[in-house]
Amino acid sequence: MASGIFSSAADLATAAGVMIGAVSLVAGVANARAQQHFLRLEREAAALGVMNSRFQDVAEIRRQLTARSSDLDGVSGEEVYSFYAKYWALQIDQWEHYRLGVISKSVYVTWLCYLYDSLSGFHTIGSMDSRTSWEAIGRSLSRNSVEFRCLVEQLYILNRQNPLPDTEGSVFTGRPGRNRGCISKSGLTQELQERLGLRSSINEILARTPMWVVSGRLPADLARAISIQ
């Protein structure tokens, strides 16, 4: 009988050990996931800080060039090229941060809404606006990223189909009316995004672009557009 008691006690101890081990394992997995989550948030916050700082730099350059555009000497072609090279380099780096999982999809969709608005702008610096600068500079800078080129072309098509209405003010120019430039203060309200279905349209573009590129089944007009050097 004593042997049976000891055997039961041993079994209980073994069972308790197994349970404690299982609980420890679950706790360890949960802790590792929590650490990964916080590390991802820290990495995204750091990337957002860098991207926002670069955006502010680009916005300030544009403000200065815009202020000088009415001067007698105006702005040089070299300055215009340099500005748009920085502008498109920022757009490409934002895409790479999203592609690598550093930036969340929600954040990147918001950035693409601003790019969409940029393609709606009527403001120019020198002889270039966002669209002509894409054709002259952006395509070349993004030659190693077919997906990004495909993405921008689809945004342009979407922009032509659903242009933003004219609004007042601009983060870049501070000028009212159709000379608003990029990222108008009131042009991307939540109400307008919902009315245009903008975020859902951009989400669809993000979902189908990699599949189109990998399969090689791009629509003919889009394939021609991204193949232009």
C-alpha atoms as a PDB file:
ATOM      1  CA  MET A   1       0.000   0.000   0.000  1.00  0.00           C
ATOM      2  CA  ALA A   2       2.831   2.321   0.841  1.00  0.00           C
ATOM      3  CA  SER A   3       4.288   1.538  -2.522  1.00  0.00           C
ATOM      4  CA  GLY A   4       1.025   2.586  -4.162  1.00  0.00           C
ATOM      5  CA  ILE A   5       0.998   5.848  -2.217  1.00  0.00           C
ATOM      6  CA  PHE A   6       4.555   6.626  -3.246  1.00  0.00           C
ATOM      7  CA  SER A   7       3.721   5.729  -6.827  1.00  0.00           C
ATOM      8  CA  SER A   8       0.722   8.069  -6.807  1.00  0.00           C
ATOM      9  CA  ALA A   9       2.795  10.822  -5.287  1.00  0.00           C
ATOM     10  CA  ALA A  10       5.447  10.342  -7.937  1.00  0.00           C
ATOM     11  CA  ASP A  11       2.817  10.458 -10.652  1.00  0.00           C
ATOM     12  CA  LEU A  12       1.377  13.641  -9.176  1.00  0.00           C
ATOM     13  CA  ALA A  13       4.800  15.195  -9.001  1.00  0.00           C
ATOM     14  CA  THR A  14       5.471  14.227 -12.604  1.00  0.00           C
ATOM     15  CA  ALA A  15       2.123  15.611 -13.713  1.00  0.00           C
ATOM     16  CA  ALA A  16       2.724  18.807 -11.775  1.00  0.00           C
ATOM     17  CA  GLY A  17       6.150  19.125 -13.350  1.00  0.00           C
ATOM     18  CA  VAL A  18       4.676  18.658 -16.805  1.00  0.00           C
ATOM     19  CA  MET A  19       2.017  21.277 -16.096  1.00  0.00           C
ATOM     20  CA  ILE A  20       4.559  23.745 -14.743  1.00  0.00           C
ATOM     21  CA  GLY A  21       6.740  23.118 -17.778  1.00  0.00           C
ATOM     22  CA  ALA A  22       3.804  23.683 -20.130  1.00  0.00           C
ATOM     23  CA  VAL A  23       2.831  26.891 -18.358  1.00  0.00           C
ATOM     24  CA  SER A  24       6.430  28.093 -18.492  1.00  0.00           C
ATOM     25  CA  LEU A  25       6.594  27.271 -22.194  1.00  0.00           C
ATOM     26  CA  VAL A  26       3.374  29.163 -22.925  1.00  0.00           C
ATOM     27  CA  ALA A  27       4.588  32.098 -20.832  1.00  0.00           C
ATOM     28  CA  GLY A  28       7.923  32.040 -22.642  1.00  0.00           C
ATOM     29  CA  VAL A  29       6.262  32.037 -26.066  1.00  0.00           C
ATOM     30  CA  ALA A  30       3.930  34.878 -25.013  1.00  0.00           C
ATOM     31  CA  ASN A  31       6.888  36.854 -23.677  1.00  0.00           C
ATOM     32  CA  ALA A  32       8.870  36.314 -26.875  1.00  0.00           C
ATOM     33  CA  ARG A  33       5.910  37.445 -28.965  1.00  0.00           C
ATOM     34  CA  ALA A  34       5.459  40.512 -26.784  1.00  0.00           C
ATOM     35  CA  GLN A  35       9.143  41.361 -27.158  1.00  0.00           C
ATOM     36  CA  GLN A  36       8.920  40.931 -30.942  1.00  0.00           C
ATOM     37  CA  HIS A  37       5.853  43.163 -30.990  1.00  0.00           C
ATOM     38  CA  PHE A  38       7.578  45.919 -29.028  1.00  0.00           C
ATOM     39  CA  LEU A  39      10.707  45.624 -31.153  1.00  0.00           C
ATOM     40  CA  ARG A  40       8.584  45.964 -34.291  1.00  0.00           C
ATOM     41  CA  LEU A  41       6.878  49.045 -32.853  1.00  0.00           C
ATOM     42  CA  GLU A  42      10.249  50.556 -31.921  1.00  0.00           C
ATOM     43  CA  ARG A  43      11.612  49.827 -35.398  1.00  0.00           C
ATOM     44  CA  GLU A  44       8.547  51.375 -37.037  1.00  0.00           C
ATOM     45  CA  ALA A  45       8.712  54.439 -34.768  1.00  0.00           C
ATOM     46  CA  ALA A  46      12.369  54.966 -35.672  1.00  0.00           C
ATOM     47  CA  ALA A  47      11.605  54.599 -39.393  1.00  0.00           C
ATOM     48  CA  LEU A  48       8.675  57.001 -39.117  1.00  0.00           C
ATOM     49  CA  GLY A  49      10.942  59.540 -37.451  1.00  0.00           C
ATOM     50  CA  VAL A  50      13.455  59.331 -40.297  1.00  0.00           C
ATOM     51  CA  MET A  51      10.800  59.425 -43.032  1.00  0.00           C
ATOM     52  CA  ASN A  52       8.956  62.356 -41.449  1.00  0.00           C
ATOM     53  CA  SER A  53      12.206  64.270 -41.061  1.00  0.00           C
ATOM     54  CA  ARG A  54      13.016  63.738 -44.743  1.00  0.00           C
ATOM     55  CA  PHE A  55       9.494  64.763 -45.692  1.00  0.00           C
ATOM     56  CA  GLN A  56       9.890  68.020 -43.765  1.00  0.00           C
ATOM     57  CA  ASP A  57      13.212  68.671 -45.517  1.00  0.00           C
ATOM     58  CA  VAL A  58      11.608  68.106 -48.928  1.00  0.00           C
ATOM     59  CA  ALA A  59       8.650  70.303 -47.988  1.00  0.00           C
ATOM     60  CA  GLU A  60      10.975  73.123 -46.913  1.00  0.00           C
ATOM     61  CA  ILE A  61      12.963  72.936 -50.166  1.00  0.00           C
ATOM     62  CA  ARG A  62       9.739  73.114 -52.124  1.00  0.00           C
ATOM     63  CA  ARG A  63       8.538  76.072 -50.074  1.00  0.00           C
ATOM     64  CA  GLN A  64      11.763  77.940 -50.799  1.00  0.00           C
ATOM     65  CA  LEU A  65      11.702  77.137 -54.514  1.00  0.00           C
ATOM     66  CA  THR A  66       8.059  78.149 -54.746  1.00  0.00           C
ATOM     67  CA  ALA A  67       8.779  81.460 -53.025  1.00  0.00           C
ATOM     68  CA  ARG A  68      11.578  82.155 -55.517  1.00  0.00           C
ATOM     69  CA  SER A  69       9.687  81.021 -58.607  1.00  0.00           C
ATOM     70  CA  SER A  70       8.151  84.467 -59.075  1.00  0.00           C
ATOM     71  CA  ASP A  71      11.529  86.215 -58.832  1.00  0.00           C
ATOM     72  CA  LEU A  72      13.182  87.564 -61.942  1.00  0.00           C
ATOM     73  CA  ASP A  73      15.865  84.883 -61.887  1.00  0.00           C
ATOM     74  CA  GLY A  74      13.414  82.129 -60.915  1.00  0.00           C
ATOM     75  CA  VAL A  75      14.820  78.689 -60.149  1.00  0.00           C
ATOM     76  CA  SER A  76      17.379  76.773 -62.158  1.00  0.00           C
ATOM     77  CA  GLY A  77      16.774  73.468 -63.877  1.00  0.00           C
ATOM     78  CA  GLU A  78      19.420  71.930 -61.654  1.00  0.00           C
ATOM     79  CA  GLU A  79      17.519  72.985 -58.521  1.00  0.00           C
ATOM     80  CA  VAL A  80      14.268  71.585 -59.898  1.00  0.00           C
ATOM     81  CA  TYR A  81      15.925  68.286 -60.770  1.00  0.00           C
ATOM     82  CA  SER A  82      17.573  68.081 -57.344  1.00  0.00           C
ATOM     83  CA  PHE A  83      14.261  68.694 -55.576  1.00  0.00           C
ATOM     84  CA  TYR A  84      12.346  66.043 -57.505  1.00  0.00           C
ATOM     85  CA  ALA A  85      15.201  63.561 -57.160  1.00  0.00           C
ATOM     86  CA  LYS A  86      14.881  63.941 -53.368  1.00  0.00           C
ATOM     87  CA  TYR A  87      11.087  63.738 -53.631  1.00  0.00           C
ATOM     88  CA  TRP A  88      11.068  60.455 -55.566  1.00  0.00           C
ATOM     89  CA  ALA A  89      13.929  58.968 -53.563  1.00  0.00           C
ATOM     90  CA  LEU A  90      11.749  59.496 -50.486  1.00  0.00           C
ATOM     91  CA  GLN A  91       8.777  57.803 -52.176  1.00  0.00           C
ATOM     92  CA  ILE A  92      10.944  54.820 -53.167  1.00  0.00           C
ATOM     93  CA  ASP A  93      12.389  54.469 -49.663  1.00  0.00           C
ATOM     94  CA  GLN A  94       8.895  54.588 -48.176  1.00  0.00           C
ATOM     95  CA  TRP A  95       7.922  51.719 -50.475  1.00  0.00           C
ATOM     96  CA  GLU A  96      10.990  49.705 -49.462  1.00  0.00           C
ATOM     97  CA  HIS A  97      10.198  50.210 -45.762  1.00  0.00           C
ATOM     98  CA  TYR A  98       6.683  48.902 -46.386  1.00  0.00           C
ATOM     99  CA  ARG A  99       7.871  46.006 -48.560  1.00  0.00           C
ATOM    100  CA  LEU A 100      10.307  44.879 -45.863  1.00  0.00           C
ATOM    101  CA  GLY A 101       7.636  45.043 -43.187  1.00  0.00           C
ATOM    102  CA  VAL A 102       9.156  47.948 -41.284  1.00  0.00           C
ATOM    103  CA  ILE A 103       6.156  50.204 -41.905  1.00  0.00           C
ATOM    104  CA  SER A 104       2.614  48.983 -41.361  1.00  0.00           C
ATOM    105  CA  LYS A 105       0.169  48.788 -44.241  1.00  0.00           C
ATOM    106  CA  SER A 106      -2.092  51.380 -42.610  1.00  0.00           C
ATOM    107  CA  VAL A 107       0.737  53.929 -42.451  1.00  0.00           C
ATOM    108  CA  TYR A 108       1.841  53.220 -46.006  1.00  0.00           C
ATOM    109  CA  VAL A 109      -1.685  53.555 -47.385  1.00  0.00           C
ATOM    110  CA  THR A 110      -1.821  57.007 -45.770  1.00  0.00           C
ATOM    111  CA  TRP A 111       1.451  57.930 -47.489  1.00  0.00           C
ATOM    112  CA  LEU A 112       0.066  56.703 -50.801  1.00  0.00           C
ATOM    113  CA  CYS A 113      -2.986  58.897 -50.294  1.00  0.00           C
ATOM    114  CA  TYR A 114      -0.591  61.850 -50.147  1.00  0.00           C
ATOM    115  CA  LEU A 115       1.172  60.658 -53.292  1.00  0.00           C
ATOM    116  CA  TYR A 116      -2.228  60.329 -54.970  1.00  0.00           C
ATOM    117  CA  ASP A 117      -2.980  63.909 -53.945  1.00  0.00           C
ATOM    118  CA  SER A 118       0.404  64.958 -55.301  1.00  0.00           C
ATOM    119  CA  LEU A 119      -0.539  63.520 -58.694  1.00  0.00           C
ATOM    120  CA  SER A 120      -3.703  65.637 -58.518  1.00  0.00           C
ATOM    121  CA  GLY A 121      -1.781  68.889 -57.985  1.00  0.00           C
ATOM    122  CA  PHE A 122      -1.558  71.678 -60.487  1.00  0.00           C
ATOM    123  CA  HIS A 123       1.458  73.327 -58.912  1.00  0.00           C
ATOM    124  CA  THR A 124       4.711  73.228 -60.832  1.00  0.00           C
ATOM    125  CA  ILE A 125       8.312  74.083 -60.048  1.00  0.00           C
ATOM    126  CA  GLY A 126      10.067  75.268 -63.147  1.00  0.00           C
ATOM    127  CA  SER A 127       8.765  73.107 -65.966  1.00  0.00           C
ATOM    128  CA  MET A 128       7.961  70.093 -63.784  1.00  0.00           C
ATOM    129  CA  ASP A 129       5.134  68.844 -61.626  1.00  0.00           C
ATOM    130  CA  SER A 130       4.850  65.492 -59.846  1.00  0.00           C
ATOM    131  CA  ARG A 131       3.704  63.687 -62.988  1.00  0.00           C
ATOM    132  CA  THR A 132       6.320  65.014 -65.405  1.00  0.00           C
ATOM    133  CA  SER A 133       9.011  64.588 -62.738  1.00  0.00           C
ATOM    134  CA  TRP A 134       8.003  60.923 -62.419  1.00  0.00           C
ATOM    135  CA  GLU A 135       8.483  60.442 -66.147  1.00  0.00           C
ATOM    136  CA  ALA A 136      11.780  62.340 -66.198  1.00  0.00           C
ATOM    137  CA  ILE A 137      13.291  61.261 -62.862  1.00  0.00           C
ATOM    138  CA  GLY A 138      11.203  58.869 -60.785  1.00  0.00           C
ATOM    139  CA  ARG A 139      11.057  56.052 -63.324  1.00  0.00           C
ATOM    140  CA  SER A 140      14.823  56.031 -63.677  1.00  0.00           C
ATOM    141  CA  LEU A 141      15.419  56.113 -59.915  1.00  0.00           C
ATOM    142  CA  SER A 142      13.040  53.181 -59.448  1.00  0.00           C
ATOM    143  CA  ARG A 143      14.473  51.071 -62.289  1.00  0.00           C
ATOM    144  CA  ASN A 144      15.278  48.272 -59.823  1.00  0.00           C
ATOM    145  CA  SER A 145      11.737  48.090 -58.463  1.00  0.00           C
ATOM    146  CA  VAL A 146       9.157  47.004 -61.012  1.00  0.00           C
ATOM    147  CA  GLU A 147       6.541  46.761 -58.261  1.00  0.00           C
ATOM    148  CA  PHE A 148       6.975  50.404 -57.253  1.00  0.00           C
ATOM    149  CA  ARG A 149       6.802  51.577 -60.863  1.00  0.00           C
ATOM    150  CA  CYS A 150       3.658  49.529 -61.341  1.00  0.00           C
ATOM    151  CA  LEU A 151       2.222  51.013 -58.152  1.00  0.00           C
ATOM    152  CA  VAL A 152       2.787  54.621 -59.207  1.00  0.00           C
ATOM    153  CA  GLU A 153       1.317  54.051 -62.657  1.00  0.00           C
ATOM    154  CA  GLN A 154      -1.807  52.537 -61.105  1.00  0.00           C
ATOM    155  CA  LEU A 155      -2.108  55.516 -58.773  1.00  0.00           C
ATOM    156  CA  TYR A 156      -1.928  57.808 -61.770  1.00  0.00           C
ATOM    157  CA  ILE A 157      -4.673  55.834 -63.543  1.00  0.00           C
ATOM    158  CA  LEU A 158      -6.783  55.960 -60.382  1.00  0.00           C
ATOM    159  CA  ASN A 159      -6.099  59.679 -60.128  1.00  0.00           C
ATOM    160  CA  ARG A 160      -7.383  60.305 -63.636  1.00  0.00           C
ATOM    161  CA  GLN A 161     -10.510  58.289 -62.899  1.00  0.00           C
ATOM    162  CA  ASN A 162     -11.167  59.905 -59.510  1.00  0.00           C
ATOM    163  CA  PRO A 163      -9.466  63.323 -59.360  1.00  0.00           C
ATOM    164  CA  LEU A 164      -9.532  65.182 -56.078  1.00  0.00           C
ATOM    165  CA  PRO A 165     -11.759  68.264 -56.118  1.00  0.00           C
ATOM    166  CA  ASP A 166     -10.012  71.613 -55.913  1.00  0.00           C
ATOM    167  CA  THR A 167      -9.339  72.722 -52.346  1.00  0.00           C
ATOM    168  CA  GLU A 168      -7.695  75.623 -50.589  1.00  0.00           C
ATOM    169  CA  GLY A 169      -4.304  75.640 -48.974  1.00  0.00           C
ATOM    170  CA  SER A 170      -1.314  73.358 -49.193  1.00  0.00           C
ATOM    171  CA  VAL A 171       1.240  71.995 -46.770  1.00  0.00           C
ATOM    172  CA  PHE A 172       3.913  72.773 -49.350  1.00  0.00           C
ATOM    173  CA  THR A 173       2.857  76.092 -50.819  1.00  0.00           C
ATOM    174  CA  GLY A 174       0.443  77.664 -48.358  1.00  0.00           C
ATOM    175  CA  ARG A 175      -1.330  79.164 -51.355  1.00  0.00           C
ATOM    176  CA  PRO A 176      -5.070  78.852 -51.998  1.00  0.00           C
ATOM    177  CA  GLY A 177      -6.815  77.545 -55.082  1.00  0.00           C
ATOM    178  CA  ARG A 178      -5.643  75.274 -57.856  1.00  0.00           C
ATOM    179  CA  ASN A 179      -2.017  76.232 -57.352  1.00  0.00           C
ATOM    180  CA  ARG A 180      -2.160  74.127 -54.224  1.00  0.00           C
ATOM    181  CA  GLY A 181       0.734  71.835 -55.088  1.00  0.00           C
ATOM    182  CA  CYS A 182       0.919  68.593 -53.112  1.00  0.00           C
ATOM    183  CA  ILE A 183      -0.851  67.435 -49.995  1.00  0.00           C
ATOM    184  CA  SER A 184      -3.622  69.966 -49.627  1.00  0.00           C
ATOM    185  CA  LYS A 185      -4.717  70.606 -46.067  1.00  0.00           C
ATOM    186  CA  SER A 186      -8.365  69.811 -46.702  1.00  0.00           C
ATOM    187  CA  GLY A 187      -7.927  67.599 -49.760  1.00  0.00           C
ATOM    188  CA  LEU A 188      -7.512  64.366 -47.819  1.00  0.00           C
ATOM    189  CA  THR A 189     -10.202  64.541 -45.162  1.00  0.00           C
ATOM    190  CA  GLN A 190     -11.570  61.249 -43.925  1.00  0.00           C
ATOM    191  CA  GLU A 191     -14.939  62.137 -45.446  1.00  0.00           C
ATOM    192  CA  LEU A 192     -13.406  62.699 -48.882  1.00  0.00           C
ATOM    193  CA  GLN A 193     -11.366  59.516 -48.682  1.00  0.00           C
ATOM    194  CA  GLU A 194     -14.533  57.583 -47.880  1.00  0.00           C
ATOM    195  CA  ARG A 195     -16.508  59.277 -50.638  1.00  0.00           C
ATOM    196  CA  LEU A 196     -13.857  58.477 -53.229  1.00  0.00           C
ATOM    197  CA  GLY A 197     -13.217  55.019 -51.811  1.00  0.00           C
ATOM    198  CA  LEU A 198      -9.570  56.032 -51.888  1.00  0.00           C
ATOM    199  CA  ARG A 199      -8.127  53.868 -49.128  1.00  0.00           C
ATOM    200  CA  SER A 200      -9.970  50.768 -50.319  1.00  0.00           C
ATOM    201  CA  SER A 201      -8.817  51.399 -53.911  1.00  0.00           C
ATOM    202  CA  ILE A 202      -5.205  51.778 -52.774  1.00  0.00           C
ATOM    203  CA  ASN A 203      -5.490  48.618 -50.666  1.00  0.00           C
ATOM    204  CA  GLU A 204      -6.648  46.760 -53.780  1.00  0.00           C
ATOM    205  CA  ILE A 205      -3.699  48.129 -55.759  1.00  0.00           C
ATOM    206  CA  LEU A 206      -1.267  47.003 -53.045  1.00  0.00           C
ATOM    207  CA  ALA A 207      -2.824  43.534 -52.998  1.00  0.00           C
ATOM    208  CA  ARG A 208      -2.762  42.888 -56.748  1.00  0.00           C
ATOM    209  CA  THR A 209       0.514  44.562 -57.745  1.00  0.00           C
ATOM    210  CA  PRO A 210       2.900  41.805 -56.499  1.00  0.00           C
ATOM    211  CA  MET A 211       0.708  39.100 -58.077  1.00  0.00           C
ATOM    212  CA  TRP A 212       0.648  40.917 -61.398  1.00  0.00           C
ATOM    213  CA  VAL A 213       4.403  41.453 -61.402  1.00  0.00           C
ATOM    214  CA  VAL A 214       5.288  37.897 -60.346  1.00  0.00           C
ATOM    215  CA  SER A 215       2.878  36.303 -62.826  1.00  0.00           C
ATOM    216  CA  GLY A 216       3.940  38.617 -65.652  1.00  0.00           C
ATOM    217  CA  ARG A 217       0.289  39.289 -66.397  1.00  0.00           C
ATOM    218  CA  LEU A 218       0.263  43.063 -66.280  1.00  0.00           C
ATOM    219  CA  PRO A 219      -2.439  44.812 -68.316  1.00  0.00           C
ATOM    220  CA  ALA A 220      -0.962  45.881 -71.668  1.00  0.00           C
ATOM    221  CA  ASP A 221      -1.184  49.627 -71.024  1.00  0.00           C
ATOM    222  CA  LEU A 222       0.415  49.254 -67.607  1.00  0.00           C
ATOM    223  CA  ALA A 223       3.186  47.034 -68.962  1.00  0.00           C
ATOM    224  CA  ARG A 224       3.982  49.652 -71.609  1.00  0.00           C
ATOM    225  CA  ALA A 225       3.992  52.439 -69.033  1.00  0.00           C
ATOM    226  CA  ILE A 226       6.433  50.784 -66.637  1.00  0.00           C
ATOM    227  CA  SER A 227       8.720  49.647 -69.452  1.00  0.00           C
ATOM    228  CA  ILE A 228       9.428  53.222 -70.546  1.00  0.00           C
ATOM    229  CA  GLN A 229      12.893  54.188 -69.359  1.00  0.00           C
END
